[in-house]
């Protein structure tokens, strides 16, 4: 999910526009910081999380990336700087289904006072942060995310191909909203 060439009601967004938006959204020092992280091997899908955590934890993006590259999960980085899984919470009104449903269910099933016990994978964190960017910057309602899933999946495939990550194809799985990239 990167909103790459996706019409979110405000026109079509390209990859370079998304990087511009992410740079502005996370108040980074222009695309140079992103490019340096990419040159060091940061996966494209991690850039929004790195920017989000840098902003939320008041740390330089390079610190977040270095910790993650050393094997520390995004959630553990958050915990290390005194925050918890609550910073990733996305307030869907109803179960959005995969890829957000399982992680969203952790929040719904756990009393707020115990959210510090929730364990999110890096994939969960990437999904939640990208939803937040699409919501906060583009004004896309959290509950609309599922309705644009197919378009986002197709555009994600375009992004992967643009980045040189080849796929044989994509297909919807049996579970609502679940997709497989091959």
N, C-alpha and C. Protein backbone atom coordinates (compact mmCIF):
# COMPACT_ATOMS: atom_id res chain seq x y z
N UNK A 1 0.86 -1.17 0.00
CA UNK A 1 0.00 0.00 0.00
C UNK A 1 0.90 1.23 0.00
N UNK A 2 0.89 1.96 -1.08
CA UNK A 2 1.68 3.18 -1.12
C UNK A 2 0.93 4.31 -1.81
N UNK A 3 -0.28 4.05 -2.21
CA UNK A 3 -1.06 5.07 -2.91
C UNK A 3 -0.41 5.43 -4.23
N UNK A 4 0.36 4.52 -4.83
CA UNK A 4 1.05 4.78 -6.09
C UNK A 4 0.08 4.63 -7.24
N UNK A 5 -0.14 5.73 -7.95
CA UNK A 5 -1.07 5.79 -9.07
C UNK A 5 -2.47 5.33 -8.66
N UNK A 6 -2.88 5.66 -7.48
CA UNK A 6 -4.20 5.30 -7.00
C UNK A 6 -5.04 6.57 -6.93
N UNK A 7 -6.24 6.53 -7.48
CA UNK A 7 -7.14 7.67 -7.41
C UNK A 7 -7.86 7.61 -6.08
N UNK A 8 -7.50 8.51 -5.18
CA UNK A 8 -8.09 8.54 -3.85
C UNK A 8 -9.10 9.67 -3.73
N UNK A 9 -9.63 10.11 -4.86
CA UNK A 9 -10.59 11.19 -4.83
C UNK A 9 -9.93 12.56 -4.95
N UNK A 10 -8.62 12.58 -4.99
CA UNK A 10 -7.88 13.84 -5.12
C UNK A 10 -6.95 13.76 -6.32
N UNK A 11 -7.25 12.91 -7.28
CA UNK A 11 -6.40 12.73 -8.44
C UNK A 11 -5.50 11.52 -8.28
N UNK A 12 -4.81 11.18 -9.34
CA UNK A 12 -3.94 10.02 -9.35
C UNK A 12 -2.59 10.40 -8.77
N UNK A 13 -2.05 9.54 -7.94
CA UNK A 13 -0.79 9.79 -7.24
C UNK A 13 0.29 8.88 -7.82
N UNK A 14 1.45 9.45 -8.20
CA UNK A 14 2.54 8.65 -8.73
C UNK A 14 3.55 8.35 -7.64
N UNK A 15 4.51 7.48 -7.97
CA UNK A 15 5.53 7.10 -7.00
C UNK A 15 6.33 8.30 -6.51
N UNK A 16 6.76 9.16 -7.43
CA UNK A 16 7.55 10.32 -7.00
C UNK A 16 6.70 11.27 -6.16
N UNK A 17 5.40 11.39 -6.49
CA UNK A 17 4.53 12.22 -5.67
C UNK A 17 4.38 11.62 -4.27
N UNK A 18 4.31 10.29 -4.20
CA UNK A 18 4.20 9.65 -2.89
C UNK A 18 5.43 9.94 -2.05
N UNK A 19 6.63 9.85 -2.66
CA UNK A 19 7.84 10.17 -1.91
C UNK A 19 7.82 11.63 -1.46
N UNK A 20 7.33 12.53 -2.34
CA UNK A 20 7.21 13.93 -1.95
C UNK A 20 6.26 14.09 -0.77
N UNK A 21 5.11 13.39 -0.85
CA UNK A 21 4.12 13.45 0.22
C UNK A 21 4.70 12.90 1.51
N UNK A 22 5.36 11.74 1.42
CA UNK A 22 5.94 11.12 2.62
C UNK A 22 7.01 12.02 3.23
N UNK A 23 7.83 12.65 2.37
CA UNK A 23 8.86 13.56 2.86
C UNK A 23 8.23 14.73 3.60
N UNK A 24 7.20 15.31 3.01
CA UNK A 24 6.49 16.42 3.65
C UNK A 24 5.76 15.95 4.91
N UNK A 25 5.05 14.84 4.79
CA UNK A 25 4.25 14.32 5.89
C UNK A 25 5.10 14.04 7.11
N UNK A 26 6.30 13.48 6.90
CA UNK A 26 7.18 13.14 8.02
C UNK A 26 8.22 14.20 8.29
N UNK A 27 8.11 15.35 7.60
CA UNK A 27 8.99 16.48 7.83
C UNK A 27 10.46 16.10 7.73
N UNK A 28 10.78 15.35 6.68
CA UNK A 28 12.16 14.97 6.44
C UNK A 28 12.84 16.03 5.59
N UNK A 29 14.14 15.99 5.56
CA UNK A 29 14.96 16.97 4.85
C UNK A 29 15.00 16.62 3.36
N UNK A 30 13.89 16.77 2.69
CA UNK A 30 13.83 16.50 1.26
C UNK A 30 14.07 15.03 0.93
N UNK A 31 14.01 14.72 -0.35
CA UNK A 31 14.17 13.34 -0.81
C UNK A 31 15.57 12.80 -0.54
N UNK A 32 16.55 13.68 -0.29
CA UNK A 32 17.93 13.22 -0.07
C UNK A 32 18.00 12.21 1.06
N UNK A 33 17.27 12.45 2.14
CA UNK A 33 17.30 11.51 3.26
C UNK A 33 16.74 10.16 2.86
N UNK A 34 15.65 10.18 2.11
CA UNK A 34 15.07 8.93 1.63
C UNK A 34 16.05 8.21 0.71
N UNK A 35 16.65 8.97 -0.20
CA UNK A 35 17.58 8.35 -1.15
C UNK A 35 18.77 7.74 -0.43
N UNK A 36 19.29 8.41 0.60
CA UNK A 36 20.40 7.84 1.36
C UNK A 36 19.99 6.53 2.02
N UNK A 37 18.79 6.48 2.59
CA UNK A 37 18.31 5.23 3.21
C UNK A 37 18.14 4.14 2.16
N UNK A 38 17.62 4.50 0.99
CA UNK A 38 17.48 3.50 -0.08
C UNK A 38 18.84 2.99 -0.53
N UNK A 39 19.81 3.89 -0.65
CA UNK A 39 21.17 3.49 -1.04
C UNK A 39 21.79 2.55 -0.02
N UNK A 40 21.40 2.70 1.26
CA UNK A 40 21.92 1.83 2.31
C UNK A 40 21.16 0.51 2.39
N UNK A 41 20.13 0.36 1.54
CA UNK A 41 19.40 -0.90 1.48
C UNK A 41 18.03 -0.91 2.11
N UNK A 42 17.52 0.24 2.53
CA UNK A 42 16.18 0.27 3.13
C UNK A 42 15.14 -0.10 2.08
N UNK A 43 14.29 -1.07 2.38
CA UNK A 43 13.22 -1.41 1.43
C UNK A 43 12.24 -0.25 1.29
N UNK A 44 11.73 -0.04 0.08
CA UNK A 44 10.78 1.04 -0.16
C UNK A 44 9.62 1.00 0.81
N UNK A 45 9.09 -0.20 1.08
CA UNK A 45 7.90 -0.29 1.93
C UNK A 45 8.17 0.09 3.37
N UNK A 46 9.44 0.18 3.76
CA UNK A 46 9.78 0.56 5.13
C UNK A 46 9.93 2.08 5.30
N UNK A 47 10.05 2.82 4.20
CA UNK A 47 10.29 4.26 4.30
C UNK A 47 9.18 4.99 5.07
N UNK A 48 7.89 4.71 4.80
CA UNK A 48 6.87 5.41 5.58
C UNK A 48 6.96 5.08 7.08
N UNK A 49 7.29 3.84 7.42
CA UNK A 49 7.41 3.45 8.84
C UNK A 49 8.59 4.16 9.47
N UNK A 50 9.70 4.21 8.76
CA UNK A 50 10.89 4.90 9.28
C UNK A 50 10.55 6.37 9.54
N UNK A 51 9.87 7.01 8.58
CA UNK A 51 9.48 8.40 8.76
C UNK A 51 8.49 8.58 9.90
N UNK A 52 7.51 7.69 9.98
CA UNK A 52 6.51 7.75 11.05
C UNK A 52 7.18 7.62 12.42
N UNK A 53 8.03 6.61 12.57
CA UNK A 53 8.70 6.41 13.86
C UNK A 53 9.66 7.55 14.19
N UNK A 54 10.35 8.06 13.18
CA UNK A 54 11.25 9.19 13.42
C UNK A 54 10.46 10.37 13.99
N UNK A 55 9.30 10.62 13.40
CA UNK A 55 8.47 11.74 13.88
C UNK A 55 7.89 11.45 15.26
N UNK A 56 7.30 10.28 15.43
CA UNK A 56 6.63 9.95 16.70
C UNK A 56 7.60 9.79 17.86
N UNK A 57 8.80 9.30 17.58
CA UNK A 57 9.78 9.02 18.63
C UNK A 57 10.82 10.12 18.78
N UNK A 58 10.71 11.17 17.94
CA UNK A 58 11.65 12.29 17.95
C UNK A 58 13.09 11.82 17.77
N UNK A 59 13.28 10.97 16.78
CA UNK A 59 14.60 10.43 16.47
C UNK A 59 14.88 10.65 14.98
N UNK A 60 16.15 10.80 14.60
CA UNK A 60 16.47 10.90 13.17
C UNK A 60 16.10 9.59 12.46
N UNK A 61 15.64 9.67 11.21
CA UNK A 61 15.28 8.46 10.46
C UNK A 61 16.43 7.46 10.38
N UNK A 62 17.66 7.96 10.33
CA UNK A 62 18.81 7.07 10.24
C UNK A 62 18.93 6.19 11.49
N UNK A 63 18.57 6.71 12.64
CA UNK A 63 18.61 5.94 13.89
C UNK A 63 17.61 4.79 13.81
N UNK A 64 16.41 5.10 13.33
CA UNK A 64 15.36 4.08 13.20
C UNK A 64 15.82 3.01 12.23
N UNK A 65 16.33 3.43 11.07
CA UNK A 65 16.78 2.47 10.07
C UNK A 65 17.93 1.61 10.59
N UNK A 66 18.91 2.23 11.25
CA UNK A 66 20.06 1.47 11.76
C UNK A 66 19.61 0.42 12.78
N UNK A 67 18.69 0.79 13.66
CA UNK A 67 18.19 -0.19 14.62
C UNK A 67 17.46 -1.34 13.92
N UNK A 68 16.62 -0.99 12.95
CA UNK A 68 15.86 -2.03 12.25
C UNK A 68 16.81 -2.92 11.45
N UNK A 69 17.79 -2.32 10.81
CA UNK A 69 18.76 -3.09 10.02
C UNK A 69 19.57 -4.03 10.91
N UNK A 70 19.73 -3.67 12.18
CA UNK A 70 20.49 -4.53 13.10
C UNK A 70 19.63 -5.67 13.65
N UNK A 71 18.36 -5.72 13.24
CA UNK A 71 17.51 -6.84 13.64
C UNK A 71 16.44 -6.50 14.66
N UNK A 72 16.33 -5.24 15.05
CA UNK A 72 15.31 -4.83 16.01
C UNK A 72 14.01 -4.57 15.25
N UNK A 73 12.92 -5.19 15.67
CA UNK A 73 11.64 -5.00 14.99
C UNK A 73 11.14 -3.57 15.17
N UNK A 74 10.23 -3.15 14.29
CA UNK A 74 9.67 -1.81 14.42
C UNK A 74 8.97 -1.63 15.77
N UNK A 75 8.26 -2.66 16.21
CA UNK A 75 7.59 -2.55 17.51
C UNK A 75 8.61 -2.42 18.64
N UNK A 76 9.68 -3.20 18.59
CA UNK A 76 10.71 -3.12 19.64
C UNK A 76 11.44 -1.78 19.63
N UNK A 77 11.60 -1.19 18.44
CA UNK A 77 12.17 0.16 18.37
C UNK A 77 11.25 1.13 19.11
N UNK A 78 9.96 0.98 18.86
CA UNK A 78 8.96 1.83 19.52
C UNK A 78 9.05 1.69 21.03
N UNK A 79 9.13 0.44 21.51
CA UNK A 79 9.22 0.18 22.95
C UNK A 79 10.51 0.75 23.53
N UNK A 80 11.60 0.64 22.78
CA UNK A 80 12.90 1.13 23.24
C UNK A 80 12.87 2.63 23.54
N UNK A 81 12.03 3.36 22.81
CA UNK A 81 11.95 4.81 23.01
C UNK A 81 10.74 5.22 23.84
N UNK A 82 10.20 4.27 24.61
CA UNK A 82 9.17 4.60 25.59
C UNK A 82 7.75 4.66 25.10
N UNK A 83 7.49 4.16 23.91
CA UNK A 83 6.13 4.12 23.39
C UNK A 83 5.71 2.66 23.24
N UNK A 84 4.47 2.45 22.88
CA UNK A 84 3.97 1.10 22.71
C UNK A 84 3.15 0.95 21.45
N UNK A 85 2.51 -0.19 21.29
CA UNK A 85 1.75 -0.49 20.08
C UNK A 85 0.58 0.48 19.83
N UNK A 86 0.19 1.24 20.85
CA UNK A 86 -0.94 2.16 20.67
C UNK A 86 -0.68 3.19 19.59
N UNK A 87 0.60 3.52 19.31
CA UNK A 87 0.86 4.54 18.29
C UNK A 87 0.51 4.06 16.89
N UNK A 88 0.37 2.74 16.71
CA UNK A 88 0.05 2.20 15.39
C UNK A 88 -1.45 1.97 15.18
N UNK A 89 -2.24 2.12 16.23
CA UNK A 89 -3.67 1.81 16.16
C UNK A 89 -4.37 2.63 15.08
N UNK A 90 -5.17 1.96 14.29
CA UNK A 90 -5.99 2.59 13.26
C UNK A 90 -7.45 2.32 13.62
N UNK A 91 -8.25 3.36 13.81
CA UNK A 91 -9.62 3.18 14.29
C UNK A 91 -10.64 2.79 13.21
N UNK A 92 -10.52 1.58 12.68
CA UNK A 92 -11.54 1.09 11.76
C UNK A 92 -12.84 0.91 12.54
N UNK A 93 -13.97 1.21 11.91
CA UNK A 93 -15.27 1.05 12.58
C UNK A 93 -15.67 -0.42 12.67
N UNK A 94 -15.25 -1.21 11.69
CA UNK A 94 -15.57 -2.64 11.66
C UNK A 94 -14.33 -3.39 11.20
N UNK A 95 -14.31 -4.69 11.43
CA UNK A 95 -13.17 -5.51 11.02
C UNK A 95 -12.90 -5.32 9.54
N UNK A 96 -11.73 -4.78 9.19
CA UNK A 96 -11.43 -4.51 7.79
C UNK A 96 -10.98 -5.74 7.01
N UNK A 97 -10.75 -6.85 7.68
CA UNK A 97 -10.24 -8.04 7.00
C UNK A 97 -8.76 -7.89 6.69
N UNK A 98 -8.17 -8.94 6.09
CA UNK A 98 -6.75 -8.89 5.77
C UNK A 98 -6.45 -7.74 4.80
N UNK A 99 -5.30 -7.14 4.86
CA UNK A 99 -4.17 -7.50 5.72
C UNK A 99 -4.21 -6.85 7.09
N UNK A 100 -5.27 -6.10 7.41
CA UNK A 100 -5.31 -5.36 8.66
C UNK A 100 -6.08 -6.09 9.76
N UNK A 101 -6.95 -7.01 9.39
CA UNK A 101 -7.92 -7.60 10.31
C UNK A 101 -7.34 -8.28 11.53
N UNK A 102 -6.35 -9.15 11.35
CA UNK A 102 -5.79 -9.86 12.50
C UNK A 102 -5.17 -8.89 13.50
N UNK A 103 -4.33 -7.98 13.03
CA UNK A 103 -3.68 -7.04 13.94
C UNK A 103 -4.71 -6.09 14.55
N UNK A 104 -5.68 -5.66 13.77
CA UNK A 104 -6.73 -4.79 14.30
C UNK A 104 -7.51 -5.53 15.38
N UNK A 105 -7.71 -6.83 15.19
CA UNK A 105 -8.40 -7.65 16.17
C UNK A 105 -7.68 -7.70 17.51
N UNK A 106 -6.34 -7.63 17.50
CA UNK A 106 -5.58 -7.62 18.75
C UNK A 106 -6.02 -6.42 19.60
N UNK A 107 -6.18 -5.28 18.95
CA UNK A 107 -6.59 -4.08 19.67
C UNK A 107 -8.02 -4.22 20.20
N UNK A 108 -8.90 -4.75 19.38
CA UNK A 108 -10.30 -4.86 19.76
C UNK A 108 -10.52 -5.88 20.89
N UNK A 109 -9.70 -6.94 20.91
CA UNK A 109 -9.87 -8.00 21.92
C UNK A 109 -9.12 -7.70 23.22
N UNK A 110 -8.23 -6.73 23.19
CA UNK A 110 -7.39 -6.45 24.36
C UNK A 110 -7.85 -5.14 25.00
N UNK A 111 -8.11 -5.15 26.30
CA UNK A 111 -8.47 -3.89 26.97
C UNK A 111 -7.36 -2.85 26.77
N UNK A 112 -7.75 -1.61 26.57
CA UNK A 112 -6.78 -0.55 26.27
C UNK A 112 -5.65 -0.51 27.30
N UNK A 113 -5.93 -0.77 28.54
CA UNK A 113 -4.91 -0.75 29.59
C UNK A 113 -3.84 -1.82 29.36
N UNK A 114 -4.14 -2.82 28.52
CA UNK A 114 -3.18 -3.90 28.26
C UNK A 114 -2.62 -3.87 26.84
N UNK A 115 -2.84 -2.77 26.12
CA UNK A 115 -2.32 -2.69 24.75
C UNK A 115 -0.81 -2.84 24.70
N UNK A 116 -0.13 -2.55 25.79
CA UNK A 116 1.33 -2.71 25.81
C UNK A 116 1.74 -4.17 25.64
N UNK A 117 0.80 -5.10 25.76
CA UNK A 117 1.11 -6.53 25.59
C UNK A 117 0.91 -6.99 24.14
N UNK A 118 0.36 -6.13 23.30
CA UNK A 118 0.12 -6.51 21.90
C UNK A 118 1.44 -6.61 21.17
N UNK A 119 1.61 -7.68 20.40
CA UNK A 119 2.81 -7.87 19.59
C UNK A 119 2.43 -7.76 18.12
N UNK A 120 2.97 -6.80 17.45
CA UNK A 120 2.73 -6.60 16.02
C UNK A 120 3.96 -7.01 15.24
N UNK A 121 3.75 -7.63 14.11
CA UNK A 121 4.87 -7.95 13.21
C UNK A 121 5.24 -6.69 12.44
N UNK A 122 6.39 -6.71 11.79
CA UNK A 122 6.78 -5.59 10.95
C UNK A 122 5.77 -5.38 9.82
N UNK A 123 5.21 -6.47 9.30
CA UNK A 123 4.21 -6.36 8.23
C UNK A 123 2.97 -5.64 8.76
N UNK A 124 2.52 -5.97 9.97
CA UNK A 124 1.39 -5.27 10.58
C UNK A 124 1.68 -3.77 10.68
N UNK A 125 2.87 -3.44 11.15
CA UNK A 125 3.24 -2.04 11.32
C UNK A 125 3.27 -1.32 9.98
N UNK A 126 3.87 -1.93 8.96
CA UNK A 126 3.90 -1.33 7.62
C UNK A 126 2.47 -1.06 7.14
N UNK A 127 1.59 -2.03 7.28
CA UNK A 127 0.20 -1.86 6.83
C UNK A 127 -0.50 -0.72 7.56
N UNK A 128 -0.37 -0.68 8.88
CA UNK A 128 -1.04 0.37 9.65
C UNK A 128 -0.49 1.75 9.33
N UNK A 129 0.81 1.87 9.19
CA UNK A 129 1.40 3.19 8.90
C UNK A 129 0.97 3.67 7.51
N UNK A 130 0.92 2.78 6.53
CA UNK A 130 0.49 3.20 5.20
C UNK A 130 -0.98 3.61 5.18
N UNK A 131 -1.81 2.92 5.95
CA UNK A 131 -3.21 3.34 6.07
C UNK A 131 -3.27 4.74 6.68
N UNK A 132 -2.47 4.96 7.69
CA UNK A 132 -2.46 6.27 8.36
C UNK A 132 -2.03 7.38 7.39
N UNK A 133 -1.02 7.13 6.56
CA UNK A 133 -0.58 8.14 5.58
C UNK A 133 -1.72 8.43 4.60
N UNK A 134 -2.34 7.38 4.08
CA UNK A 134 -3.45 7.60 3.13
C UNK A 134 -4.59 8.36 3.78
N UNK A 135 -4.86 8.08 5.04
CA UNK A 135 -5.93 8.78 5.76
C UNK A 135 -5.54 10.22 6.08
N UNK A 136 -4.40 10.39 6.73
CA UNK A 136 -4.02 11.71 7.23
C UNK A 136 -3.67 12.68 6.11
N UNK A 137 -3.02 12.21 5.06
CA UNK A 137 -2.63 13.14 4.00
C UNK A 137 -3.72 13.30 2.94
N UNK A 138 -4.30 12.18 2.51
CA UNK A 138 -5.26 12.22 1.41
C UNK A 138 -6.71 12.32 1.87
N UNK A 139 -6.95 12.13 3.16
CA UNK A 139 -8.31 12.22 3.66
C UNK A 139 -9.17 11.02 3.33
N UNK A 140 -8.55 9.88 3.02
CA UNK A 140 -9.29 8.66 2.73
C UNK A 140 -9.78 8.09 4.05
N UNK A 141 -11.07 7.84 4.17
CA UNK A 141 -11.61 7.29 5.39
C UNK A 141 -11.03 5.92 5.68
N UNK A 142 -10.78 5.64 6.94
CA UNK A 142 -10.22 4.35 7.31
C UNK A 142 -11.07 3.21 6.77
N UNK A 143 -12.38 3.36 6.82
CA UNK A 143 -13.25 2.28 6.39
C UNK A 143 -13.35 2.15 4.88
N UNK A 144 -12.83 3.11 4.13
CA UNK A 144 -12.81 3.02 2.67
C UNK A 144 -11.62 2.19 2.18
N UNK A 145 -10.65 1.94 3.05
CA UNK A 145 -9.45 1.23 2.64
C UNK A 145 -9.78 -0.12 2.01
N UNK A 146 -10.71 -0.86 2.57
CA UNK A 146 -11.07 -2.16 2.01
C UNK A 146 -11.68 -2.05 0.63
N UNK A 147 -12.43 -0.97 0.36
CA UNK A 147 -13.10 -0.84 -0.93
C UNK A 147 -12.14 -0.49 -2.06
N UNK A 148 -10.97 -0.01 -1.72
CA UNK A 148 -10.00 0.30 -2.76
C UNK A 148 -8.86 -0.72 -2.77
N UNK A 149 -9.08 -1.84 -2.07
CA UNK A 149 -8.02 -2.84 -1.91
C UNK A 149 -7.49 -3.35 -3.25
N UNK A 150 -8.37 -3.73 -4.17
CA UNK A 150 -7.91 -4.29 -5.44
C UNK A 150 -7.05 -3.28 -6.18
N UNK A 151 -7.48 -2.04 -6.22
CA UNK A 151 -6.72 -1.01 -6.91
C UNK A 151 -5.35 -0.83 -6.25
N UNK A 152 -5.32 -0.86 -4.93
CA UNK A 152 -4.07 -0.71 -4.21
C UNK A 152 -3.16 -1.90 -4.47
N UNK A 153 -3.72 -3.11 -4.47
CA UNK A 153 -2.93 -4.31 -4.74
C UNK A 153 -2.30 -4.21 -6.13
N UNK A 154 -3.08 -3.80 -7.12
CA UNK A 154 -2.55 -3.67 -8.47
C UNK A 154 -1.47 -2.61 -8.55
N UNK A 155 -1.66 -1.52 -7.85
CA UNK A 155 -0.66 -0.46 -7.87
C UNK A 155 0.59 -0.86 -7.09
N UNK A 156 0.39 -1.67 -6.03
CA UNK A 156 1.54 -2.20 -5.30
C UNK A 156 2.37 -3.08 -6.24
N UNK A 157 1.70 -3.87 -7.05
CA UNK A 157 2.40 -4.70 -8.02
C UNK A 157 3.20 -3.81 -8.98
N UNK A 158 2.59 -2.72 -9.45
CA UNK A 158 3.31 -1.77 -10.32
C UNK A 158 4.55 -1.23 -9.63
N UNK A 159 4.41 -0.88 -8.36
CA UNK A 159 5.55 -0.37 -7.60
C UNK A 159 6.67 -1.39 -7.51
N UNK A 160 6.29 -2.63 -7.22
CA UNK A 160 7.29 -3.69 -7.12
C UNK A 160 8.02 -3.85 -8.45
N UNK A 161 7.27 -3.86 -9.53
CA UNK A 161 7.88 -4.01 -10.85
C UNK A 161 8.78 -2.81 -11.15
N UNK A 162 8.32 -1.60 -10.82
CA UNK A 162 9.15 -0.40 -11.02
C UNK A 162 10.45 -0.47 -10.24
N UNK A 163 10.39 -1.13 -9.07
CA UNK A 163 11.57 -1.25 -8.21
C UNK A 163 12.44 -2.44 -8.60
N UNK A 164 12.04 -3.18 -9.64
CA UNK A 164 12.82 -4.32 -10.08
C UNK A 164 12.51 -5.61 -9.35
N UNK A 165 11.41 -5.64 -8.60
CA UNK A 165 10.99 -6.86 -7.90
C UNK A 165 9.97 -7.56 -8.79
N UNK A 166 10.39 -8.65 -9.38
CA UNK A 166 9.52 -9.34 -10.33
C UNK A 166 8.52 -10.25 -9.63
N UNK A 167 7.35 -10.36 -10.23
CA UNK A 167 6.29 -11.24 -9.75
C UNK A 167 5.73 -12.00 -10.93
N UNK A 168 5.27 -13.19 -10.67
CA UNK A 168 4.60 -13.98 -11.71
C UNK A 168 3.15 -13.54 -11.83
N UNK A 169 2.58 -13.03 -10.75
CA UNK A 169 1.20 -12.57 -10.78
C UNK A 169 0.67 -12.37 -9.38
N UNK A 170 -0.59 -11.97 -9.33
CA UNK A 170 -1.28 -11.79 -8.06
C UNK A 170 -2.63 -12.47 -8.16
N UNK A 171 -3.16 -12.89 -7.03
CA UNK A 171 -4.51 -13.43 -7.02
C UNK A 171 -5.14 -13.22 -5.65
N UNK A 172 -6.46 -13.09 -5.67
CA UNK A 172 -7.21 -12.96 -4.43
C UNK A 172 -7.32 -14.33 -3.79
N UNK A 173 -7.19 -14.36 -2.48
CA UNK A 173 -7.35 -15.61 -1.74
C UNK A 173 -8.80 -15.77 -1.31
N UNK A 174 -9.11 -16.88 -0.68
CA UNK A 174 -10.48 -17.16 -0.25
C UNK A 174 -10.95 -16.15 0.80
N UNK A 175 -10.08 -15.82 1.75
CA UNK A 175 -10.45 -14.88 2.80
C UNK A 175 -10.64 -13.48 2.21
N UNK A 176 -11.66 -12.80 2.68
CA UNK A 176 -11.97 -11.46 2.20
C UNK A 176 -10.78 -10.53 2.36
N UNK A 177 -10.39 -9.87 1.27
CA UNK A 177 -9.34 -8.88 1.33
C UNK A 177 -7.92 -9.44 1.34
N UNK A 178 -7.76 -10.74 1.24
CA UNK A 178 -6.42 -11.34 1.28
C UNK A 178 -5.94 -11.59 -0.13
N UNK A 179 -4.69 -11.18 -0.40
CA UNK A 179 -4.10 -11.30 -1.73
C UNK A 179 -2.77 -12.00 -1.64
N UNK A 180 -2.40 -12.66 -2.72
CA UNK A 180 -1.12 -13.36 -2.78
C UNK A 180 -0.33 -12.81 -3.96
N UNK A 181 0.94 -12.50 -3.70
CA UNK A 181 1.86 -12.08 -4.75
C UNK A 181 2.77 -13.26 -5.02
N UNK A 182 2.89 -13.67 -6.29
CA UNK A 182 3.71 -14.83 -6.64
C UNK A 182 4.89 -14.41 -7.48
